[in-house]
Amino acid sequence: MLPVELMTTFDVIRSQYLWVGVQQLSMAILTINWIVPPLVFVEIAEPGYEATCYGILTTLGNVAVVVMNFTMNIVSATYSPEVQDIEADTHEVRWHVASQFLVKAAVAIGVALCVLPLLPKQKRHVKEIKLSSSPNLIAPIVLFTVFLGLFVAALVSTLLSVFESTACLRFAGGQGCDQVLESVGGPSA
């Protein structure tokens, strides 16, 4: 998707059909990505805990989408171009938009590379870990705390963006309340 986003941004190829086609292709890939992991969850889970494992991992996967949107809102709020700048379609605005696409891709790749070493190599490897090691409570508590913190931050950010009085906050994806007040002629803090 990134190459098409960049080609569209820099006016190499601006075709609505290419854009929609790539969107549909990426949705097909995401659908496969949505179907396959539950099959793996059931294989890895202890007998009798398949549904619990599936529920937890599916919830974490869905929370990841919200957290990614929350992160992109914060990144976009720090240097989001104005609508009239986008309509002007200048070279610096194109780089502005392209840098947001590049940040999004870099974060996605970075997170994937950080998580990759945590995954077991094969089903046999999972069984060896289960048989040879004693339960460790530190890792689940730390992971639960991190995921809960991310979920609460994303939830609060989403709720703040709904209300008009707090939608201007950078944490909620706005431009900052000081800039909004200055643009309407109100007092600045």
Protein backbone atom coordinates (compact mmCIF):
# COMPACT_ATOMS: atom_id res chain seq x y z
CA MET A 1 0.00 0.00 0.00
CA LEU A 2 2.85 2.39 0.82
CA PRO A 3 4.19 2.54 -2.77
CA VAL A 4 0.74 3.48 -4.11
CA GLU A 5 0.27 6.08 -1.36
CA LEU A 6 3.63 7.64 -2.20
CA MET A 7 3.04 7.51 -5.98
CA THR A 8 -0.32 9.21 -5.47
CA THR A 9 1.14 11.79 -3.09
CA PHE A 10 3.94 12.78 -5.48
CA ASP A 11 1.64 12.74 -8.54
CA VAL A 12 3.47 9.90 -10.31
CA ILE A 13 0.18 8.06 -10.84
CA ARG A 14 -3.08 9.55 -9.62
CA SER A 15 -5.77 7.09 -10.54
CA GLN A 16 -8.86 6.43 -8.47
CA TYR A 17 -9.03 2.94 -9.98
CA LEU A 18 -5.50 2.08 -8.88
CA TRP A 19 -6.23 3.45 -5.39
CA VAL A 20 -9.49 1.46 -5.04
CA GLY A 21 -7.90 -1.66 -6.52
CA VAL A 22 -5.02 -1.60 -4.07
CA GLN A 23 -7.45 -0.92 -1.21
CA GLN A 24 -9.50 -3.98 -2.20
CA LEU A 25 -6.38 -6.14 -2.52
CA SER A 26 -5.13 -5.04 0.90
CA MET A 27 -8.55 -5.80 2.40
CA ALA A 28 -8.39 -9.32 0.92
CA ILE A 29 -4.97 -9.80 2.53
CA LEU A 30 -6.26 -8.42 5.85
CA THR A 31 -9.19 -10.85 5.67
CA ILE A 32 -6.81 -13.78 5.36
CA ASN A 33 -4.79 -12.27 8.19
CA TRP A 34 -7.98 -12.16 10.26
CA ILE A 35 -8.97 -15.79 9.51
CA VAL A 36 -5.65 -17.61 9.99
CA PRO A 37 -4.59 -16.57 13.54
CA PRO A 38 -7.58 -18.18 15.30
CA LEU A 39 -6.50 -21.49 13.81
CA VAL A 40 -3.08 -20.99 15.37
CA PHE A 41 -4.57 -19.86 18.70
CA VAL A 42 -6.51 -23.11 19.01
CA GLU A 43 -3.39 -25.16 18.31
CA ILE A 44 -1.25 -23.32 20.86
CA ALA A 45 -3.81 -23.12 23.68
CA GLU A 46 -4.01 -25.68 26.44
CA PRO A 47 -6.89 -28.14 26.05
CA GLY A 48 -10.00 -26.61 27.59
CA TYR A 49 -8.69 -23.04 27.30
CA GLU A 50 -9.06 -22.58 23.55
CA ALA A 51 -12.00 -20.16 23.75
CA THR A 52 -10.33 -18.07 26.47
CA CYS A 53 -7.09 -17.86 24.49
CA TYR A 54 -9.00 -16.99 21.33
CA GLY A 55 -11.00 -14.30 23.14
CA ILE A 56 -7.96 -12.66 24.73
CA LEU A 57 -5.86 -12.65 21.57
CA THR A 58 -8.74 -11.44 19.39
CA THR A 59 -9.42 -8.62 21.84
CA LEU A 60 -5.76 -7.62 21.82
CA GLY A 61 -5.77 -7.64 18.02
CA ASN A 62 -8.82 -5.37 17.93
CA VAL A 63 -7.34 -3.06 20.58
CA ALA A 64 -4.20 -2.79 18.44
CA VAL A 65 -6.23 -1.12 15.67
CA VAL A 66 -7.60 1.46 18.12
CA VAL A 67 -4.13 2.08 19.59
CA MET A 68 -2.65 2.54 16.09
CA ASN A 69 -5.37 5.07 15.21
CA PHE A 70 -4.70 6.84 18.53
CA THR A 71 -0.97 6.97 17.75
CA MET A 72 -1.59 8.29 14.23
CA ASN A 73 -3.94 10.97 15.60
CA ILE A 74 -1.22 12.20 17.94
CA VAL A 75 1.44 12.13 15.20
CA SER A 76 -0.89 13.84 12.71
CA ALA A 77 -1.89 16.50 15.24
CA THR A 78 1.71 17.63 15.63
CA TYR A 79 2.19 18.49 11.97
CA SER A 80 -1.06 18.23 10.08
CA PRO A 81 -1.33 20.54 7.05
CA GLU A 82 -4.37 22.77 6.66
CA VAL A 83 -7.05 21.99 4.07
CA GLN A 84 -6.11 25.00 1.92
CA ASP A 85 -2.48 23.78 1.90
CA ILE A 86 -3.56 20.35 0.66
CA GLU A 87 -5.69 21.97 -2.05
CA ALA A 88 -2.65 24.04 -3.13
CA ASP A 89 -0.77 20.73 -3.61
CA THR A 90 2.71 22.22 -3.18
CA HIS A 91 5.92 20.23 -2.98
CA GLU A 92 6.31 20.76 0.77
CA VAL A 93 2.72 19.67 1.45
CA ARG A 94 3.37 16.50 -0.54
CA TRP A 95 6.42 15.79 1.62
CA HIS A 96 4.32 16.56 4.68
CA VAL A 97 1.71 13.96 3.72
CA ALA A 98 4.36 11.47 2.57
CA SER A 99 6.17 11.75 5.89
CA GLN A 100 2.96 10.76 7.68
CA PHE A 101 2.65 7.68 5.47
CA LEU A 102 6.31 6.85 6.14
CA VAL A 103 5.89 7.25 9.92
CA LYS A 104 2.86 4.95 9.80
CA ALA A 105 4.80 2.31 7.87
CA ALA A 106 7.89 2.64 10.09
CA VAL A 107 5.85 2.18 13.27
CA ALA A 108 4.06 -0.85 11.84
CA ILE A 109 7.33 -2.46 10.74
CA GLY A 110 9.07 -1.55 14.00
CA VAL A 111 6.35 -3.07 16.15
CA ALA A 112 6.28 -6.21 14.01
CA LEU A 113 10.05 -6.62 14.26
CA CYS A 114 9.97 -6.12 18.04
CA VAL A 115 7.25 -8.75 18.49
CA LEU A 116 8.76 -11.28 16.08
CA PRO A 117 11.46 -12.64 18.46
CA LEU A 118 8.77 -13.31 21.07
CA LEU A 119 6.98 -15.80 18.84
CA PRO A 120 7.80 -19.52 19.08
CA LYS A 121 9.47 -21.13 16.09
CA GLN A 122 7.26 -24.22 15.71
CA LYS A 123 4.51 -26.12 17.52
CA ARG A 124 7.20 -28.44 18.89
CA HIS A 125 9.00 -25.43 20.36
CA VAL A 126 5.80 -24.34 22.15
CA LYS A 127 5.40 -27.81 23.68
CA GLU A 128 9.02 -27.79 24.88
CA ILE A 129 8.54 -24.40 26.53
CA LYS A 130 5.35 -25.60 28.23
CA LEU A 131 6.99 -28.78 29.54
CA SER A 132 10.37 -27.41 30.60
CA SER A 133 9.59 -24.10 32.23
CA SER A 134 7.72 -23.19 35.36
CA PRO A 135 4.98 -20.54 35.14
CA ASN A 136 6.31 -17.00 35.16
CA LEU A 137 3.90 -14.40 36.52
CA ILE A 138 6.03 -11.33 35.81
CA ALA A 139 5.63 -11.39 32.01
CA PRO A 140 1.81 -11.72 32.02
CA ILE A 141 1.43 -8.97 34.63
CA VAL A 142 3.70 -6.60 32.68
CA LEU A 143 1.95 -7.37 29.38
CA PHE A 144 -1.49 -6.96 30.97
CA THR A 145 -0.47 -3.62 32.48
CA VAL A 146 0.95 -2.34 29.17
CA PHE A 147 -2.09 -3.44 27.16
CA LEU A 148 -4.48 -2.02 29.75
CA GLY A 149 -2.61 1.30 29.75
CA LEU A 150 -2.69 1.49 25.94
CA PHE A 151 -6.37 0.60 25.88
CA VAL A 152 -7.28 3.23 28.48
CA ALA A 153 -5.21 5.90 26.68
CA ALA A 154 -6.84 5.06 23.33
CA LEU A 155 -10.31 5.02 24.92
CA VAL A 156 -9.80 8.37 26.64
CA SER A 157 -8.41 9.90 23.44
CA THR A 158 -11.38 8.63 21.44
CA LEU A 159 -13.88 9.93 24.00
CA LEU A 160 -12.14 13.32 24.16
CA SER A 161 -12.35 13.65 20.38
CA VAL A 162 -16.14 13.27 20.49
CA PHE A 163 -16.84 16.30 22.68
CA GLU A 164 -16.52 19.73 21.08
CA SER A 165 -14.85 21.28 24.13
CA THR A 166 -12.03 18.70 24.19
CA ALA A 167 -11.75 17.75 20.50
CA CYS A 168 -9.11 20.45 20.01
CA LEU A 169 -6.64 18.74 22.39
CA ARG A 170 -3.59 17.22 20.71
CA PHE A 171 -4.14 14.05 22.76
CA ALA A 172 -7.55 13.75 21.09
CA GLY A 173 -6.12 14.32 17.60
CA GLY A 174 -6.83 18.07 17.45
CA GLN A 175 -4.52 20.95 16.58
CA GLY A 176 -4.25 22.21 20.16
CA CYS A 177 -6.79 24.39 21.95
CA ASP A 178 -4.49 27.43 21.87
CA GLN A 179 -4.38 27.38 18.06
CA VAL A 180 -8.15 26.94 17.84
CA LEU A 181 -8.75 29.91 20.15
CA GLU A 182 -6.32 32.09 18.18
CA SER A 183 -7.97 31.19 14.86
CA VAL A 184 -11.42 32.28 16.11
CA GLY A 185 -10.04 35.42 17.73
CA GLY A 186 -10.33 34.27 21.34
CA PRO A 187 -7.79 34.66 24.15
CA SER A 188 -4.65 32.55 24.02
CA ALA A 189 -3.35 30.83 27.12
